[in-house]
Every structure is written in C-alpha cells, then in structure tokens.
Amino acid sequence: MSLSMDDVRRIARLARIAVTENEVIESHKQLNQLFSLIEEMRSIDTTGVEPMPHPQDMLLRLRDDVATATNRREAFQAIAPAVENGLYLVPKVIE
C-alpha cells in the first residue's frame, strides 16, 4: 500500500494540520517507507511462533504494596471550609 500526495494532503486537512508543500513531500516519503516496512513484516511467516509479552526475556521486580506516605487527612481538613465526620462538604450546585 502506498499513499499519493493527495492522500497526504487530505490526511493533513482531516487532522487540521497546516503543512507546506515541502512537508507534504517529506511526509509522503516517510509514510510510504513506513507502509513498505509494515508490508515487509506482514510477509514473514509466523506460523508456530508464540506471541511474546516483551521482546527481551525478563521479569519485573515486584515490591510490596505498602503505603509509604503518612496520612495527613486532619491537616488537610483543618484548612477546608466545611468538614463533617471526616468528609468534605461542598455547596449544592444542582437544584
């Protein structure tokens, strides 16, 4: 699949991107190179190849799910305009 110059202009117009004629030419070249790379990758036979979650065989180091920040609810609610039973009170905005 390849794009024409008109296709690139149309895509830019649909995306609301102002492009000069030089940018259209450069974008046309880059997009067609990208499409040719995709076509090349699609032509490879991947029958029997298991999908990989990551290109490198590695494991993530996990850490314990422990809260490290101190609870500062009282300090924050002390400066709030209205608080009741640990909840922030806000003005009613819907009648």
PDB file of N, CA and C in Angstrom:
ATOM      1  N   MET A   1       0.844  -1.171   0.000  1.00  0.00           N
ATOM      2  CA  MET A   1       0.000   0.000   0.000  1.00  0.00           C
ATOM      3  C   MET A   1       0.890   1.236   0.000  1.00  0.00           C
ATOM      4  N   SER A   2       0.554   2.180  -0.821  1.00  0.00           N
ATOM      5  CA  SER A   2       1.288   3.438  -0.811  1.00  0.00           C
ATOM      6  C   SER A   2       0.287   4.583  -0.930  1.00  0.00           C
ATOM      7  N   LEU A   3       0.682   5.709  -0.404  1.00  0.00           N
ATOM      8  CA  LEU A   3      -0.173   6.894  -0.438  1.00  0.00           C
ATOM      9  C   LEU A   3       0.250   7.822  -1.560  1.00  0.00           C
ATOM     10  N   SER A   4      -0.698   8.534  -2.088  1.00  0.00           N
ATOM     11  CA  SER A   4      -0.373   9.562  -3.069  1.00  0.00           C
ATOM     12  C   SER A   4      -0.187  10.891  -2.328  1.00  0.00           C
ATOM     13  N   MET A   5       0.297  11.881  -3.020  1.00  0.00           N
ATOM     14  CA  MET A   5       0.475  13.217  -2.416  1.00  0.00           C
ATOM     15  C   MET A   5      -0.886  13.783  -2.000  1.00  0.00           C
ATOM     16  N   ASP A   6      -1.916  13.500  -2.795  1.00  0.00           N
ATOM     17  CA  ASP A   6      -3.262  13.971  -2.450  1.00  0.00           C
ATOM     18  C   ASP A   6      -3.757  13.316  -1.166  1.00  0.00           C
ATOM     19  N   ASP A   7      -3.412  12.039  -0.965  1.00  0.00           N
ATOM     20  CA  ASP A   7      -3.795  11.352   0.271  1.00  0.00           C
ATOM     21  C   ASP A   7      -3.154  12.031   1.480  1.00  0.00           C
ATOM     22  N   VAL A   8      -1.884  12.390   1.351  1.00  0.00           N
ATOM     23  CA  VAL A   8      -1.178  13.052   2.454  1.00  0.00           C
ATOM     24  C   VAL A   8      -1.814  14.411   2.746  1.00  0.00           C
ATOM     25  N   ARG A   9      -2.135  15.155   1.713  1.00  0.00           N
ATOM     26  CA  ARG A   9      -2.794  16.451   1.914  1.00  0.00           C
ATOM     27  C   ARG A   9      -4.152  16.278   2.585  1.00  0.00           C
ATOM     28  N   ARG A  10      -4.889  15.260   2.161  1.00  0.00           N
ATOM     29  CA  ARG A  10      -6.217  15.002   2.739  1.00  0.00           C
ATOM     30  C   ARG A  10      -6.096  14.606   4.211  1.00  0.00           C
ATOM     31  N   ILE A  11      -5.139  13.759   4.539  1.00  0.00           N
ATOM     32  CA  ILE A  11      -4.917  13.360   5.926  1.00  0.00           C
ATOM     33  C   ILE A  11      -4.567  14.581   6.775  1.00  0.00           C
ATOM     34  N   ALA A  12      -3.699  15.436   6.258  1.00  0.00           N
ATOM     35  CA  ALA A  12      -3.318  16.644   6.995  1.00  0.00           C
ATOM     36  C   ALA A  12      -4.529  17.548   7.198  1.00  0.00           C
ATOM     37  N   ARG A  13      -5.371  17.657   6.182  1.00  0.00           N
ATOM     38  CA  ARG A  13      -6.567  18.502   6.301  1.00  0.00           C
ATOM     39  C   ARG A  13      -7.534  17.920   7.327  1.00  0.00           C
ATOM     40  N   LEU A  14      -7.732  16.604   7.301  1.00  0.00           N
ATOM     41  CA  LEU A  14      -8.621  15.954   8.259  1.00  0.00           C
ATOM     42  C   LEU A  14      -8.100  16.087   9.691  1.00  0.00           C
ATOM     43  N   ALA A  15      -6.780  16.075   9.847  1.00  0.00           N
ATOM     44  CA  ALA A  15      -6.170  16.215  11.168  1.00  0.00           C
ATOM     45  C   ALA A  15      -6.022  17.680  11.571  1.00  0.00           C
ATOM     46  N   ARG A  16      -6.447  18.570  10.693  1.00  0.00           N
ATOM     47  CA  ARG A  16      -6.355  20.023  10.943  1.00  0.00           C
ATOM     48  C   ARG A  16      -4.901  20.449  11.177  1.00  0.00           C
ATOM     49  N   ILE A  17      -4.013  19.915  10.338  1.00  0.00           N
ATOM     50  CA  ILE A  17      -2.590  20.241  10.406  1.00  0.00           C
ATOM     51  C   ILE A  17      -2.237  21.043   9.160  1.00  0.00           C
ATOM     52  N   ALA A  18      -1.701  22.221   9.376  1.00  0.00           N
ATOM     53  CA  ALA A  18      -1.256  23.035   8.245  1.00  0.00           C
ATOM     54  C   ALA A  18       0.138  22.549   7.823  1.00  0.00           C
ATOM     55  N   VAL A  19       0.259  22.159   6.569  1.00  0.00           N
ATOM     56  CA  VAL A  19       1.539  21.668   6.059  1.00  0.00           C
ATOM     57  C   VAL A  19       1.916  22.425   4.795  1.00  0.00           C
ATOM     58  N   THR A  20       3.212  22.652   4.671  1.00  0.00           N
ATOM     59  CA  THR A  20       3.726  23.276   3.452  1.00  0.00           C
ATOM     60  C   THR A  20       3.927  22.183   2.403  1.00  0.00           C
ATOM     61  N   GLU A  21       4.209  22.594   1.185  1.00  0.00           N
ATOM     62  CA  GLU A  21       4.414  21.620   0.112  1.00  0.00           C
ATOM     63  C   GLU A  21       5.647  20.758   0.390  1.00  0.00           C
ATOM     64  N   ASN A  22       6.691  21.353   0.978  1.00  0.00           N
ATOM     65  CA  ASN A  22       7.885  20.568   1.336  1.00  0.00           C
ATOM     66  C   ASN A  22       7.562  19.532   2.411  1.00  0.00           C
ATOM     67  N   GLU A  23       6.707  19.899   3.367  1.00  0.00           N
ATOM     68  CA  GLU A  23       6.312  18.958   4.411  1.00  0.00           C
ATOM     69  C   GLU A  23       5.453  17.837   3.835  1.00  0.00           C
ATOM     70  N   VAL A  24       4.641  18.144   2.848  1.00  0.00           N
ATOM     71  CA  VAL A  24       3.830  17.116   2.186  1.00  0.00           C
ATOM     72  C   VAL A  24       4.753  16.113   1.497  1.00  0.00           C
ATOM     73  N   ILE A  25       5.748  16.606   0.811  1.00  0.00           N
ATOM     74  CA  ILE A  25       6.689  15.729   0.101  1.00  0.00           C
ATOM     75  C   ILE A  25       7.443  14.841   1.087  1.00  0.00           C
ATOM     76  N   GLU A  26       7.941  15.430   2.173  1.00  0.00           N
ATOM     77  CA  GLU A  26       8.698  14.669   3.177  1.00  0.00           C
ATOM     78  C   GLU A  26       7.785  13.667   3.895  1.00  0.00           C
ATOM     79  N   SER A  27       6.580  14.082   4.245  1.00  0.00           N
ATOM     80  CA  SER A  27       5.635  13.177   4.908  1.00  0.00           C
ATOM     81  C   SER A  27       5.243  12.029   3.987  1.00  0.00           C
ATOM     82  N   HIS A  28       5.052  12.336   2.711  1.00  0.00           N
ATOM     83  CA  HIS A  28       4.725  11.312   1.710  1.00  0.00           C
ATOM     84  C   HIS A  28       5.815  10.253   1.672  1.00  0.00           C
ATOM     85  N   LYS A  29       7.062  10.696   1.648  1.00  0.00           N
ATOM     86  CA  LYS A  29       8.190   9.774   1.593  1.00  0.00           C
ATOM     87  C   LYS A  29       8.255   8.924   2.867  1.00  0.00           C
ATOM     88  N   GLN A  30       8.119   9.558   4.036  1.00  0.00           N
ATOM     89  CA  GLN A  30       8.219   8.830   5.302  1.00  0.00           C
ATOM     90  C   GLN A  30       7.065   7.850   5.490  1.00  0.00           C
ATOM     91  N   LEU A  31       5.852   8.266   5.149  1.00  0.00           N
ATOM     92  CA  LEU A  31       4.705   7.371   5.298  1.00  0.00           C
ATOM     93  C   LEU A  31       4.808   6.168   4.370  1.00  0.00           C
ATOM     94  N   ASN A  32       5.260   6.373   3.146  1.00  0.00           N
ATOM     95  CA  ASN A  32       5.406   5.250   2.225  1.00  0.00           C
ATOM     96  C   ASN A  32       6.510   4.301   2.678  1.00  0.00           C
ATOM     97  N   GLN A  33       7.582   4.831   3.289  1.00  0.00           N
ATOM     98  CA  GLN A  33       8.622   3.963   3.844  1.00  0.00           C
ATOM     99  C   GLN A  33       8.054   3.134   4.995  1.00  0.00           C
ATOM    100  N   LEU A  34       7.230   3.762   5.816  1.00  0.00           N
ATOM    101  CA  LEU A  34       6.608   3.056   6.930  1.00  0.00           C
ATOM    102  C   LEU A  34       5.690   1.950   6.423  1.00  0.00           C
ATOM    103  N   PHE A  35       4.871   2.247   5.412  1.00  0.00           N
ATOM    104  CA  PHE A  35       3.973   1.234   4.863  1.00  0.00           C
ATOM    105  C   PHE A  35       4.748   0.091   4.204  1.00  0.00           C
ATOM    106  N   SER A  36       5.860   0.395   3.578  1.00  0.00           N
ATOM    107  CA  SER A  36       6.646  -0.681   2.968  1.00  0.00           C
ATOM    108  C   SER A  36       7.274  -1.561   4.047  1.00  0.00           C
ATOM    109  N   LEU A  37       7.669  -0.976   5.172  1.00  0.00           N
ATOM    110  CA  LEU A  37       8.202  -1.768   6.284  1.00  0.00           C
ATOM    111  C   LEU A  37       7.109  -2.669   6.864  1.00  0.00           C
ATOM    112  N   ILE A  38       5.911  -2.137   7.004  1.00  0.00           N
ATOM    113  CA  ILE A  38       4.790  -2.940   7.510  1.00  0.00           C
ATOM    114  C   ILE A  38       4.491  -4.096   6.568  1.00  0.00           C
ATOM    115  N   GLU A  39       4.469  -3.838   5.277  1.00  0.00           N
ATOM    116  CA  GLU A  39       4.229  -4.901   4.300  1.00  0.00           C
ATOM    117  C   GLU A  39       5.322  -5.968   4.371  1.00  0.00           C
ATOM    118  N   GLU A  40       6.560  -5.537   4.558  1.00  0.00           N
ATOM    119  CA  GLU A  40       7.676  -6.481   4.672  1.00  0.00           C
ATOM    120  C   GLU A  40       7.507  -7.361   5.913  1.00  0.00           C
ATOM    121  N   MET A  41       7.089  -6.759   7.025  1.00  0.00           N
ATOM    122  CA  MET A  41       6.894  -7.532   8.251  1.00  0.00           C
ATOM    123  C   MET A  41       5.697  -8.474   8.124  1.00  0.00           C
ATOM    124  N   ARG A  42       4.646  -8.051   7.415  1.00  0.00           N
ATOM    125  CA  ARG A  42       3.471  -8.894   7.239  1.00  0.00           C
ATOM    126  C   ARG A  42       3.765 -10.105   6.346  1.00  0.00           C
ATOM    127  N   SER A  43       4.779 -10.019   5.498  1.00  0.00           N
ATOM    128  CA  SER A  43       5.081 -11.120   4.592  1.00  0.00           C
ATOM    129  C   SER A  43       5.846 -12.250   5.286  1.00  0.00           C
ATOM    130  N   ILE A  44       6.309 -12.020   6.486  1.00  0.00           N
ATOM    131  CA  ILE A  44       7.069 -13.040   7.211  1.00  0.00           C
ATOM    132  C   ILE A  44       6.105 -14.090   7.768  1.00  0.00           C
ATOM    133  N   ASP A  45       6.457 -15.374   7.586  1.00  0.00           N
ATOM    134  CA  ASP A  45       5.624 -16.466   8.087  1.00  0.00           C
ATOM    135  C   ASP A  45       5.871 -16.632   9.583  1.00  0.00           C
ATOM    136  N   THR A  46       4.847 -16.379  10.380  1.00  0.00           N
ATOM    137  CA  THR A  46       4.968 -16.504  11.837  1.00  0.00           C
ATOM    138  C   THR A  46       4.173 -17.692  12.361  1.00  0.00           C
ATOM    139  N   THR A  47       3.902 -18.653  11.507  1.00  0.00           N
ATOM    140  CA  THR A  47       3.172 -19.844  11.924  1.00  0.00           C
ATOM    141  C   THR A  47       3.980 -20.587  12.978  1.00  0.00           C
ATOM    142  N   GLY A  48       3.349 -20.872  14.101  1.00  0.00           N
ATOM    143  CA  GLY A  48       4.018 -21.618  15.164  1.00  0.00           C
ATOM    144  C   GLY A  48       4.847 -20.750  16.096  1.00  0.00           C
ATOM    145  N   VAL A  49       4.883 -19.467  15.871  1.00  0.00           N
ATOM    146  CA  VAL A  49       5.648 -18.579  16.745  1.00  0.00           C
ATOM    147  C   VAL A  49       4.706 -18.039  17.817  1.00  0.00           C
ATOM    148  N   GLU A  50       5.050 -18.278  19.057  1.00  0.00           N
ATOM    149  CA  GLU A  50       4.211 -17.831  20.160  1.00  0.00           C
ATOM    150  C   GLU A  50       4.430 -16.332  20.404  1.00  0.00           C
ATOM    151  N   PRO A  51       3.343 -15.570  20.576  1.00  0.00           N
ATOM    152  CA  PRO A  51       3.495 -14.138  20.848  1.00  0.00           C
ATOM    153  C   PRO A  51       4.258 -13.904  22.151  1.00  0.00           C
ATOM    154  N   MET A  52       5.058 -12.861  22.163  1.00  0.00           N
ATOM    155  CA  MET A  52       5.870 -12.546  23.338  1.00  0.00           C
ATOM    156  C   MET A  52       5.305 -11.309  24.035  1.00  0.00           C
ATOM    157  N   PRO A  53       5.240 -11.320  25.357  1.00  0.00           N
ATOM    158  CA  PRO A  53       4.771 -10.122  26.058  1.00  0.00           C
ATOM    159  C   PRO A  53       5.812  -9.008  26.056  1.00  0.00           C
ATOM    160  N   HIS A  54       7.078  -9.361  25.842  1.00  0.00           N
ATOM    161  CA  HIS A  54       8.159  -8.386  25.843  1.00  0.00           C
ATOM    162  C   HIS A  54       9.264  -8.917  24.939  1.00  0.00           C
ATOM    163  N   PRO A  55       9.948  -8.033  24.192  1.00  0.00           N
ATOM    164  CA  PRO A  55      10.981  -8.534  23.274  1.00  0.00           C
ATOM    165  C   PRO A  55      12.182  -9.144  23.981  1.00  0.00           C
ATOM    166  N   GLN A  56      12.390  -8.812  25.237  1.00  0.00           N
ATOM    167  CA  GLN A  56      13.500  -9.407  25.986  1.00  0.00           C
ATOM    168  C   GLN A  56      12.923 -10.320  27.054  1.00  0.00           C
ATOM    169  N   ASP A  57      13.565 -11.431  27.282  1.00  0.00           N
ATOM    170  CA  ASP A  57      13.091 -12.383  28.275  1.00  0.00           C
ATOM    171  C   ASP A  57      13.519 -11.891  29.657  1.00  0.00           C
ATOM    172  N   MET A  58      12.642 -11.128  30.293  1.00  0.00           N
ATOM    173  CA  MET A  58      12.984 -10.563  31.593  1.00  0.00           C
ATOM    174  C   MET A  58      11.757 -10.549  32.490  1.00  0.00           C
ATOM    175  N   LEU A  59      12.002 -10.512  33.771  1.00  0.00           N
ATOM    176  CA  LEU A  59      10.933 -10.430  34.747  1.00  0.00           C
ATOM    177  C   LEU A  59      11.007  -9.079  35.442  1.00  0.00           C
ATOM    178  N   LEU A  60       9.852  -8.556  35.788  1.00  0.00           N
ATOM    179  CA  LEU A  60       9.812  -7.305  36.533  1.00  0.00           C
ATOM    180  C   LEU A  60      10.000  -7.600  38.007  1.00  0.00           C
ATOM    181  N   ARG A  61      10.781  -6.750  38.649  1.00  0.00           N
ATOM    182  CA  ARG A  61      10.930  -6.886  40.089  1.00  0.00           C
ATOM    183  C   ARG A  61       9.693  -6.296  40.746  1.00  0.00           C
ATOM    184  N   LEU A  62       9.068  -7.064  41.597  1.00  0.00           N
ATOM    185  CA  LEU A  62       7.876  -6.597  42.273  1.00  0.00           C
ATOM    186  C   LEU A  62       8.238  -6.124  43.673  1.00  0.00           C
ATOM    187  N   ARG A  63       7.497  -5.156  44.157  1.00  0.00           N
ATOM    188  CA  ARG A  63       7.708  -4.676  45.521  1.00  0.00           C
ATOM    189  C   ARG A  63       6.419  -4.861  46.289  1.00  0.00           C
ATOM    190  N   ASP A  64       6.530  -4.867  47.594  1.00  0.00           N
ATOM    191  CA  ASP A  64       5.341  -4.996  48.427  1.00  0.00           C
ATOM    192  C   ASP A  64       4.462  -3.770  48.252  1.00  0.00           C
ATOM    193  N   ASP A  65       3.158  -3.996  48.245  1.00  0.00           N
ATOM    194  CA  ASP A  65       2.190  -2.906  48.111  1.00  0.00           C
ATOM    195  C   ASP A  65       1.939  -2.321  49.502  1.00  0.00           C
ATOM    196  N   VAL A  66       2.815  -1.413  49.894  1.00  0.00           N
ATOM    197  CA  VAL A  66       2.760  -0.823  51.221  1.00  0.00           C
ATOM    198  C   VAL A  66       2.694   0.690  51.070  1.00  0.00           C
ATOM    199  N   ALA A  67       1.783   1.313  51.830  1.00  0.00           N
ATOM    200  CA  ALA A  67       1.689   2.777  51.807  1.00  0.00           C
ATOM    201  C   ALA A  67       2.921   3.360  52.481  1.00  0.00           C
ATOM    202  N   THR A  68       3.569   4.298  51.800  1.00  0.00           N
ATOM    203  CA  THR A  68       4.769   4.912  52.364  1.00  0.00           C
ATOM    204  C   THR A  68       4.527   6.345  52.812  1.00  0.00           C
ATOM    205  N   ALA A  69       3.470   6.978  52.301  1.00  0.00           N
ATOM    206  CA  ALA A  69       3.156   8.350  52.696  1.00  0.00           C
ATOM    207  C   ALA A  69       2.321   8.327  53.973  1.00  0.00           C
ATOM    208  N   THR A  70       2.563   9.320  54.816  1.00  0.00           N
ATOM    209  CA  THR A  70       1.793   9.390  56.055  1.00  0.00           C
ATOM    210  C   THR A  70       0.415   9.966  55.773  1.00  0.00           C
ATOM    211  N   ASN A  71      -0.555   9.577  56.584  1.00  0.00           N
ATOM    212  CA  ASN A  71      -1.922  10.064  56.440  1.00  0.00           C
ATOM    213  C   ASN A  71      -1.994  11.472  57.006  1.00  0.00           C
ATOM    214  N   ARG A  72      -2.331  12.448  56.163  1.00  0.00           N
ATOM    215  CA  ARG A  72      -2.392  13.847  56.592  1.00  0.00           C
ATOM    216  C   ARG A  72      -3.805  14.392  56.465  1.00  0.00           C
ATOM    217  N   ARG A  73      -4.810  13.510  56.650  1.00  0.00           N
ATOM    218  CA  ARG A  73      -6.196  13.921  56.495  1.00  0.00           C
ATOM    219  C   ARG A  73      -6.550  15.070  57.431  1.00  0.00           C
ATOM    220  N   GLU A  74      -6.169  14.969  58.682  1.00  0.00           N
ATOM    221  CA  GLU A  74      -6.513  16.018  59.646  1.00  0.00           C
ATOM    222  C   GLU A  74      -5.925  17.364  59.245  1.00  0.00           C
ATOM    223  N   ALA A  75      -4.696  17.361  58.759  1.00  0.00           N
ATOM    224  CA  ALA A  75      -4.054  18.615  58.355  1.00  0.00           C
ATOM    225  C   ALA A  75      -4.772  19.229  57.162  1.00  0.00           C
ATOM    226  N   PHE A  76      -5.188  18.406  56.217  1.00  0.00           N
ATOM    227  CA  PHE A  76      -5.891  18.930  55.044  1.00  0.00           C
ATOM    228  C   PHE A  76      -7.299  19.385  55.396  1.00  0.00           C
ATOM    229  N   GLN A  77      -7.970  18.650  56.264  1.00  0.00           N
ATOM    230  CA  GLN A  77      -9.326  19.018  56.617  1.00  0.00           C
ATOM    231  C   GLN A  77      -9.364  20.208  57.569  1.00  0.00           C
ATOM    232  N   ALA A  78      -8.270  20.467  58.255  1.00  0.00           N
ATOM    233  CA  ALA A  78      -8.232  21.624  59.151  1.00  0.00           C
ATOM    234  C   ALA A  78      -8.326  22.930  58.374  1.00  0.00           C
ATOM    235  N   ILE A  79      -7.879  22.951  57.117  1.00  0.00           N
ATOM    236  CA  ILE A  79      -7.921  24.178  56.323  1.00  0.00           C
ATOM    237  C   ILE A  79      -9.093  24.197  55.339  1.00  0.00           C
ATOM    238  N   ALA A  80      -9.889  23.121  55.340  1.00  0.00           N
ATOM    239  CA  ALA A  80     -11.051  23.055  54.447  1.00  0.00           C
ATOM    240  C   ALA A  80     -12.168  23.941  54.987  1.00  0.00           C
ATOM    241  N   PRO A  81     -12.979  24.544  54.106  1.00  0.00           N
ATOM    242  CA  PRO A  81     -14.058  25.413  54.554  1.00  0.00           C
ATOM    243  C   PRO A  81     -15.126  24.689  55.367  1.00  0.00           C
ATOM    244  N   ALA A  82     -15.480  23.456  54.995  1.00  0.00           N
ATOM    245  CA  ALA A  82     -16.523  22.732  55.721  1.00  0.00           C
ATOM    246  C   ALA A  82     -16.231  21.234  55.693  1.00  0.00           C
ATOM    247  N   VAL A  83     -16.230  20.636  56.885  1.00  0.00           N
ATOM    248  CA  VAL A  83     -15.946  19.209  57.034  1.00  0.00           C
ATOM    249  C   VAL A  83     -16.936  18.632  58.046  1.00  0.00           C
ATOM    250  N   GLU A  84     -17.390  17.410  57.785  1.00  0.00           N
ATOM    251  CA  GLU A  84     -18.269  16.746  58.749  1.00  0.00           C
ATOM    252  C   GLU A  84     -18.003  15.253  58.714  1.00  0.00           C
ATOM    253  N   ASN A  85     -17.704  14.668  59.868  1.00  0.00           N
ATOM    254  CA  ASN A  85     -17.438  13.223  60.006  1.00  0.00           C
ATOM    255  C   ASN A  85     -16.339  12.747  59.047  1.00  0.00           C
ATOM    256  N   GLY A  86     -15.311  13.540  58.866  1.00  0.00           N
ATOM    257  CA  GLY A  86     -14.197  13.161  58.006  1.00  0.00           C
ATOM    258  C   GLY A  86     -14.447  13.348  56.527  1.00  0.00           C
ATOM    259  N   LEU A  87     -15.564  13.969  56.145  1.00  0.00           N
ATOM    260  CA  LEU A  87     -15.886  14.197  54.740  1.00  0.00           C
ATOM    261  C   LEU A  87     -15.882  15.681  54.444  1.00  0.00           C
ATOM    262  N   TYR A  88     -15.505  16.046  53.234  1.00  0.00           N
ATOM    263  CA  TYR A  88     -15.550  17.435  52.796  1.00  0.00           C
ATOM    264  C   TYR A  88     -16.987  17.775  52.394  1.00  0.00           C
ATOM    265  N   LEU A  89     -17.485  18.899  52.866  1.00  0.00           N
ATOM    266  CA  LEU A  89     -18.810  19.366  52.481  1.00  0.00           C
ATOM    267  C   LEU A  89     -18.661  20.411  51.392  1.00  0.00           C
ATOM    268  N   VAL A  90     -19.450  20.273  50.335  1.00  0.00           N
ATOM    269  CA  VAL A  90     -19.388  21.215  49.216  1.00  0.00           C
ATOM    270  C   VAL A  90     -20.771  21.794  48.995  1.00  0.00           C
ATOM    271  N   PRO A  91     -20.839  23.001  48.419  1.00  0.00           N
ATOM    272  CA  PRO A  91     -22.146  23.595  48.183  1.00  0.00           C
ATOM    273  C   PRO A  91     -22.946  22.807  47.139  1.00  0.00           C
ATOM    274  N   LYS A  92     -24.251  22.802  47.303  1.00  0.00           N
ATOM    275  CA  LYS A  92     -25.132  22.141  46.360  1.00  0.00           C
ATOM    276  C   LYS A  92     -25.155  22.968  45.068  1.00  0.00           C
ATOM    277  N   VAL A  93     -24.920  22.308  43.925  1.00  0.00           N
ATOM    278  CA  VAL A  93     -24.886  23.049  42.658  1.00  0.00           C
ATOM    279  C   VAL A  93     -26.033  22.644  41.735  1.00  0.00           C
ATOM    280  N   ILE A  94     -26.776  21.606  42.090  1.00  0.00           N
ATOM    281  CA  ILE A  94     -27.909  21.180  41.270  1.00  0.00           C
ATOM    282  C   ILE A  94     -29.177  21.382  42.083  1.00  0.00           C
ATOM    283  N   GLU A  95     -30.139  22.037  41.494  1.00  0.00           N
ATOM    284  CA  GLU A  95     -31.394  22.283  42.211  1.00  0.00           C
ATOM    285  C   GLU A  95     -32.362  21.154  42.028  1.00  0.00           C
TER     286      GLU A  95
END
